[in-house]
Amino acid sequence: MKTYDVSRMKHHCQFGVYGDSGEINPNTGVPIQQFVPQFSLWFGEYSQTINQQITLTGDNLTDTKMIVVRHNDQANQQQLVKIGDTLYRVNNVAGDDEVNSFDVITLVRYQKRG
């Protein structure tokens, strides 16, 4: 994506992974698993067309959100994104490595298993 109004990028998110927090559960002695932030970015909301919403629903991707960030090679599909208190997994990164370009990132609400 080449153009996006930078003034719309007024939200903050953290990219990271789900892993050992460095703390130990005193009852079990097992490391506590939680979101571990790696870096943070400013983002803007990306509006989905009705057609995009239907396509995502057809792929069983509900609870999705699309965000726009300045191009960043660190953002990838192995990461989670924390926005407020909600965790999302990165489903897709539509990247553009041109100068002053933006990436559209599709997020799906993360549900911890176990």
N, C-alpha and C. Protein backbone atom coordinates (compact mmCIF):
# COMPACT_ATOMS: atom_id res chain seq x y z
N MET A 1 0.85 -1.16 0.00
CA MET A 1 0.00 0.00 0.00
C MET A 1 0.90 1.23 0.00
N LYS A 2 0.68 2.08 -0.96
CA LYS A 2 1.56 3.23 -1.10
C LYS A 2 1.07 4.45 -0.35
N THR A 3 -0.25 4.65 -0.26
CA THR A 3 -0.75 5.84 0.39
C THR A 3 -1.66 5.49 1.56
N TYR A 4 -1.47 6.20 2.63
CA TYR A 4 -2.31 6.08 3.82
C TYR A 4 -2.09 7.35 4.62
N ASP A 5 -3.15 7.94 5.11
CA ASP A 5 -3.05 9.18 5.87
C ASP A 5 -2.41 8.88 7.23
N VAL A 6 -1.17 9.32 7.41
CA VAL A 6 -0.40 9.02 8.61
C VAL A 6 -1.10 9.52 9.87
N SER A 7 -1.91 10.56 9.76
CA SER A 7 -2.61 11.07 10.94
C SER A 7 -3.63 10.07 11.48
N ARG A 8 -4.00 9.06 10.69
CA ARG A 8 -4.92 8.02 11.15
C ARG A 8 -4.21 6.95 11.98
N MET A 9 -2.88 6.98 12.00
CA MET A 9 -2.10 5.98 12.74
C MET A 9 -1.93 6.47 14.18
N LYS A 10 -3.01 6.39 14.95
CA LYS A 10 -3.00 6.94 16.30
C LYS A 10 -3.20 5.87 17.38
N HIS A 11 -3.13 4.62 17.00
CA HIS A 11 -3.27 3.52 17.95
C HIS A 11 -1.92 2.83 18.12
N HIS A 12 -1.73 2.22 19.26
CA HIS A 12 -0.45 1.59 19.57
C HIS A 12 -0.67 0.10 19.82
N CYS A 13 0.22 -0.75 19.31
CA CYS A 13 0.12 -2.19 19.54
C CYS A 13 1.51 -2.77 19.80
N GLN A 14 1.51 -3.96 20.39
CA GLN A 14 2.76 -4.67 20.65
C GLN A 14 2.77 -5.97 19.86
N PHE A 15 3.89 -6.27 19.23
CA PHE A 15 4.10 -7.54 18.54
C PHE A 15 4.96 -8.41 19.44
N GLY A 16 4.65 -9.70 19.50
CA GLY A 16 5.43 -10.59 20.33
C GLY A 16 5.03 -12.03 20.12
N VAL A 17 5.38 -12.87 21.09
CA VAL A 17 5.08 -14.30 21.04
C VAL A 17 4.50 -14.74 22.37
N TYR A 18 3.90 -15.91 22.38
CA TYR A 18 3.39 -16.50 23.61
C TYR A 18 4.46 -17.46 24.10
N GLY A 19 4.99 -17.21 25.28
CA GLY A 19 6.07 -18.06 25.78
C GLY A 19 6.34 -17.85 27.25
N ASP A 20 7.50 -18.33 27.70
CA ASP A 20 7.88 -18.21 29.10
C ASP A 20 8.02 -16.75 29.48
N SER A 21 7.39 -16.38 30.58
CA SER A 21 7.45 -15.00 31.05
C SER A 21 8.68 -14.73 31.90
N GLY A 22 9.39 -15.79 32.28
CA GLY A 22 10.53 -15.63 33.17
C GLY A 22 10.13 -15.79 34.63
N GLU A 23 8.83 -15.96 34.87
CA GLU A 23 8.33 -16.17 36.22
C GLU A 23 7.96 -17.64 36.39
N ILE A 24 8.05 -18.11 37.63
CA ILE A 24 7.73 -19.50 37.95
C ILE A 24 6.46 -19.54 38.80
N ASN A 25 5.54 -20.44 38.47
CA ASN A 25 4.34 -20.64 39.28
C ASN A 25 4.77 -21.26 40.60
N PRO A 26 4.54 -20.58 41.74
CA PRO A 26 5.00 -21.11 43.03
C PRO A 26 4.30 -22.40 43.44
N ASN A 27 3.12 -22.67 42.89
CA ASN A 27 2.37 -23.88 43.25
C ASN A 27 2.84 -25.11 42.49
N THR A 28 3.25 -24.90 41.23
CA THR A 28 3.61 -26.06 40.40
C THR A 28 5.09 -26.10 40.04
N GLY A 29 5.77 -24.97 40.14
CA GLY A 29 7.18 -24.91 39.75
C GLY A 29 7.38 -24.83 38.25
N VAL A 30 6.30 -24.66 37.51
CA VAL A 30 6.34 -24.60 36.04
C VAL A 30 6.42 -23.13 35.60
N PRO A 31 7.21 -22.83 34.57
CA PRO A 31 7.26 -21.45 34.07
C PRO A 31 5.88 -20.97 33.62
N ILE A 32 5.56 -19.73 33.93
CA ILE A 32 4.28 -19.14 33.56
C ILE A 32 4.35 -18.70 32.09
N GLN A 33 3.37 -19.16 31.30
CA GLN A 33 3.29 -18.82 29.88
C GLN A 33 2.39 -17.59 29.72
N GLN A 34 2.88 -16.60 29.00
CA GLN A 34 2.08 -15.42 28.71
C GLN A 34 2.66 -14.69 27.50
N PHE A 35 1.98 -13.63 27.08
CA PHE A 35 2.44 -12.83 25.95
C PHE A 35 3.76 -12.16 26.32
N VAL A 36 4.77 -12.32 25.45
CA VAL A 36 6.08 -11.71 25.65
C VAL A 36 6.31 -10.71 24.51
N PRO A 37 6.23 -9.39 24.79
CA PRO A 37 6.39 -8.39 23.73
C PRO A 37 7.81 -8.35 23.18
N GLN A 38 7.92 -8.12 21.85
CA GLN A 38 9.22 -8.00 21.19
C GLN A 38 9.46 -6.59 20.67
N PHE A 39 8.42 -5.95 20.12
CA PHE A 39 8.53 -4.57 19.66
C PHE A 39 7.13 -3.98 19.55
N SER A 40 7.03 -2.68 19.45
CA SER A 40 5.72 -2.03 19.35
C SER A 40 5.70 -1.09 18.15
N LEU A 41 4.49 -0.87 17.62
CA LEU A 41 4.30 -0.01 16.45
C LEU A 41 3.03 0.81 16.61
N TRP A 42 2.99 1.93 15.92
CA TRP A 42 1.76 2.70 15.78
C TRP A 42 1.01 2.14 14.58
N PHE A 43 -0.31 2.10 14.67
CA PHE A 43 -1.10 1.58 13.56
C PHE A 43 -2.37 2.39 13.37
N GLY A 44 -2.96 2.20 12.20
CA GLY A 44 -4.26 2.79 11.88
C GLY A 44 -5.22 1.68 11.51
N GLU A 45 -6.50 1.95 11.66
CA GLU A 45 -7.53 0.97 11.30
C GLU A 45 -7.64 0.89 9.78
N TYR A 46 -7.94 -0.29 9.29
CA TYR A 46 -8.16 -0.50 7.86
C TYR A 46 -9.58 -0.98 7.68
N SER A 47 -10.37 -0.25 6.91
CA SER A 47 -11.77 -0.61 6.71
C SER A 47 -11.89 -1.72 5.68
N GLN A 48 -12.69 -2.71 6.02
CA GLN A 48 -12.94 -3.83 5.11
C GLN A 48 -14.18 -3.54 4.28
N THR A 49 -14.12 -3.93 3.01
CA THR A 49 -15.32 -3.83 2.18
C THR A 49 -16.23 -5.00 2.54
N ILE A 50 -17.46 -4.93 2.14
CA ILE A 50 -18.41 -6.02 2.38
C ILE A 50 -17.89 -7.31 1.75
N ASN A 51 -17.33 -7.22 0.54
CA ASN A 51 -16.79 -8.38 -0.15
C ASN A 51 -15.66 -9.03 0.65
N GLN A 52 -14.77 -8.21 1.23
CA GLN A 52 -13.68 -8.75 2.04
C GLN A 52 -14.22 -9.43 3.28
N GLN A 53 -15.25 -8.85 3.90
CA GLN A 53 -15.84 -9.46 5.09
C GLN A 53 -16.45 -10.81 4.77
N ILE A 54 -17.13 -10.91 3.63
CA ILE A 54 -17.74 -12.18 3.23
C ILE A 54 -16.65 -13.21 2.94
N THR A 55 -15.58 -12.79 2.27
CA THR A 55 -14.48 -13.70 1.96
C THR A 55 -13.85 -14.23 3.24
N LEU A 56 -13.60 -13.37 4.21
CA LEU A 56 -13.01 -13.80 5.48
C LEU A 56 -13.95 -14.72 6.23
N THR A 57 -15.25 -14.43 6.20
CA THR A 57 -16.22 -15.29 6.87
C THR A 57 -16.26 -16.65 6.20
N GLY A 58 -16.15 -16.68 4.87
CA GLY A 58 -16.13 -17.94 4.14
C GLY A 58 -14.92 -18.80 4.48
N ASP A 59 -13.84 -18.16 4.89
CA ASP A 59 -12.64 -18.89 5.31
C ASP A 59 -12.66 -19.21 6.80
N ASN A 60 -13.84 -19.05 7.42
CA ASN A 60 -14.00 -19.28 8.86
C ASN A 60 -13.09 -18.38 9.69
N LEU A 61 -12.85 -17.18 9.20
CA LEU A 61 -12.04 -16.21 9.94
C LEU A 61 -12.97 -15.16 10.52
N THR A 62 -13.53 -15.44 11.69
CA THR A 62 -14.35 -14.46 12.37
C THR A 62 -13.48 -13.76 13.40
N ASP A 63 -13.96 -12.70 13.97
CA ASP A 63 -13.19 -11.89 14.92
C ASP A 63 -11.90 -11.41 14.28
N THR A 64 -11.99 -10.91 13.06
CA THR A 64 -10.80 -10.42 12.37
C THR A 64 -10.72 -8.90 12.47
N LYS A 65 -9.52 -8.41 12.30
CA LYS A 65 -9.26 -6.98 12.32
C LYS A 65 -8.13 -6.75 11.34
N MET A 66 -8.21 -5.66 10.59
CA MET A 66 -7.13 -5.32 9.67
C MET A 66 -6.54 -3.99 10.12
N ILE A 67 -5.20 -3.96 10.19
CA ILE A 67 -4.51 -2.74 10.60
C ILE A 67 -3.47 -2.36 9.56
N VAL A 68 -3.09 -1.09 9.57
CA VAL A 68 -2.06 -0.58 8.66
C VAL A 68 -0.90 -0.07 9.51
N VAL A 69 0.32 -0.52 9.18
CA VAL A 69 1.53 -0.06 9.86
C VAL A 69 2.53 0.39 8.79
N ARG A 70 3.47 1.22 9.20
CA ARG A 70 4.57 1.53 8.27
C ARG A 70 5.30 0.23 7.99
N HIS A 71 5.82 0.06 6.78
CA HIS A 71 6.48 -1.19 6.42
C HIS A 71 7.52 -1.56 7.47
N ASN A 72 7.46 -2.83 7.92
CA ASN A 72 8.37 -3.31 8.95
C ASN A 72 8.65 -4.78 8.67
N ASP A 73 9.92 -5.11 8.39
CA ASP A 73 10.29 -6.49 8.08
C ASP A 73 10.14 -7.43 9.27
N GLN A 74 10.05 -6.89 10.49
CA GLN A 74 9.93 -7.74 11.68
C GLN A 74 8.55 -8.37 11.82
N ALA A 75 7.53 -7.74 11.26
CA ALA A 75 6.17 -8.26 11.38
C ALA A 75 6.03 -9.51 10.52
N ASN A 76 5.61 -10.63 11.14
CA ASN A 76 5.45 -11.88 10.39
C ASN A 76 4.32 -12.72 10.97
N GLN A 77 4.02 -13.84 10.32
CA GLN A 77 2.88 -14.66 10.69
C GLN A 77 3.13 -15.57 11.89
N GLN A 78 4.31 -15.54 12.47
CA GLN A 78 4.57 -16.34 13.66
C GLN A 78 4.32 -15.53 14.93
N GLN A 79 3.82 -14.32 14.79
CA GLN A 79 3.68 -13.44 15.95
C GLN A 79 2.25 -13.25 16.39
N LEU A 80 2.14 -12.73 17.61
CA LEU A 80 0.87 -12.28 18.15
C LEU A 80 0.94 -10.76 18.24
N VAL A 81 -0.23 -10.14 18.25
CA VAL A 81 -0.31 -8.69 18.39
C VAL A 81 -1.25 -8.39 19.56
N LYS A 82 -0.79 -7.54 20.46
CA LYS A 82 -1.61 -7.15 21.60
C LYS A 82 -2.09 -5.72 21.39
N ILE A 83 -3.42 -5.58 21.33
CA ILE A 83 -4.05 -4.27 21.21
C ILE A 83 -4.94 -4.11 22.43
N GLY A 84 -4.58 -3.18 23.29
CA GLY A 84 -5.29 -3.06 24.57
C GLY A 84 -5.04 -4.31 25.38
N ASP A 85 -6.11 -4.99 25.78
CA ASP A 85 -5.98 -6.24 26.52
C ASP A 85 -6.28 -7.46 25.65
N THR A 86 -6.48 -7.25 24.36
CA THR A 86 -6.85 -8.34 23.46
C THR A 86 -5.66 -8.81 22.65
N LEU A 87 -5.52 -10.14 22.56
CA LEU A 87 -4.45 -10.74 21.75
C LEU A 87 -5.00 -11.21 20.42
N TYR A 88 -4.25 -10.97 19.37
CA TYR A 88 -4.58 -11.43 18.02
C TYR A 88 -3.37 -12.17 17.47
N ARG A 89 -3.63 -13.14 16.58
CA ARG A 89 -2.51 -13.76 15.87
C ARG A 89 -2.47 -13.13 14.48
N VAL A 90 -1.27 -13.02 13.95
CA VAL A 90 -1.11 -12.45 12.61
C VAL A 90 -1.48 -13.53 11.60
N ASN A 91 -2.51 -13.26 10.81
CA ASN A 91 -2.96 -14.21 9.81
C ASN A 91 -2.29 -13.96 8.46
N ASN A 92 -2.07 -12.68 8.14
CA ASN A 92 -1.46 -12.34 6.86
C ASN A 92 -0.80 -10.97 6.95
N VAL A 93 0.33 -10.83 6.28
CA VAL A 93 1.00 -9.54 6.16
C VAL A 93 1.11 -9.22 4.67
N ALA A 94 0.35 -8.23 4.23
CA ALA A 94 0.44 -7.77 2.84
C ALA A 94 1.46 -6.65 2.83
N GLY A 95 2.72 -7.03 2.62
CA GLY A 95 3.82 -6.09 2.74
C GLY A 95 4.15 -5.39 1.44
N ASP A 96 4.75 -4.24 1.59
CA ASP A 96 5.22 -3.46 0.45
C ASP A 96 6.54 -2.85 0.88
N ASP A 97 7.65 -3.27 0.26
CA ASP A 97 8.96 -2.83 0.72
C ASP A 97 9.48 -1.59 0.00
N GLU A 98 8.59 -0.83 -0.62
CA GLU A 98 8.98 0.44 -1.24
C GLU A 98 9.29 1.46 -0.15
N VAL A 99 9.93 2.55 -0.54
CA VAL A 99 10.22 3.64 0.40
C VAL A 99 8.91 4.28 0.85
N ASN A 100 8.78 4.55 2.13
CA ASN A 100 7.59 5.19 2.71
C ASN A 100 6.30 4.43 2.42
N SER A 101 6.35 3.12 2.42
CA SER A 101 5.16 2.32 2.14
C SER A 101 4.56 1.79 3.44
N PHE A 102 3.41 1.15 3.31
CA PHE A 102 2.67 0.64 4.45
C PHE A 102 2.35 -0.83 4.24
N ASP A 103 2.18 -1.56 5.33
CA ASP A 103 1.76 -2.96 5.30
C ASP A 103 0.35 -3.06 5.86
N VAL A 104 -0.48 -3.89 5.23
CA VAL A 104 -1.80 -4.20 5.77
C VAL A 104 -1.69 -5.56 6.43
N ILE A 105 -2.02 -5.63 7.71
CA ILE A 105 -1.88 -6.86 8.48
C ILE A 105 -3.26 -7.33 8.91
N THR A 106 -3.59 -8.58 8.56
CA THR A 106 -4.85 -9.18 8.97
C THR A 106 -4.63 -9.93 10.27
N LEU A 107 -5.45 -9.60 11.27
CA LEU A 107 -5.34 -10.22 12.59
C LEU A 107 -6.60 -11.02 12.89
N VAL A 108 -6.43 -12.12 13.61
CA VAL A 108 -7.54 -12.95 14.06
C VAL A 108 -7.42 -13.09 15.57
N ARG A 109 -8.54 -12.91 16.28
CA ARG A 109 -8.50 -13.01 17.74
C ARG A 109 -7.86 -14.32 18.17
N TYR A 110 -6.90 -14.23 19.08
CA TYR A 110 -6.13 -15.39 19.55
C TYR A 110 -6.86 -16.07 20.69
N GLN A 111 -6.98 -17.38 20.59
CA GLN A 111 -7.59 -18.16 21.67
C GLN A 111 -6.58 -19.18 22.14
N LYS A 112 -6.12 -19.00 23.37
CA LYS A 112 -5.13 -19.91 23.95
C LYS A 112 -5.77 -21.28 24.14
N ARG A 113 -5.02 -22.30 23.81
CA ARG A 113 -5.51 -23.67 24.00
C ARG A 113 -4.86 -24.26 25.23
N GLY A 114 -5.68 -24.93 26.02
CA GLY A 114 -5.13 -25.60 27.20
C GLY A 114 -5.25 -24.87 28.46
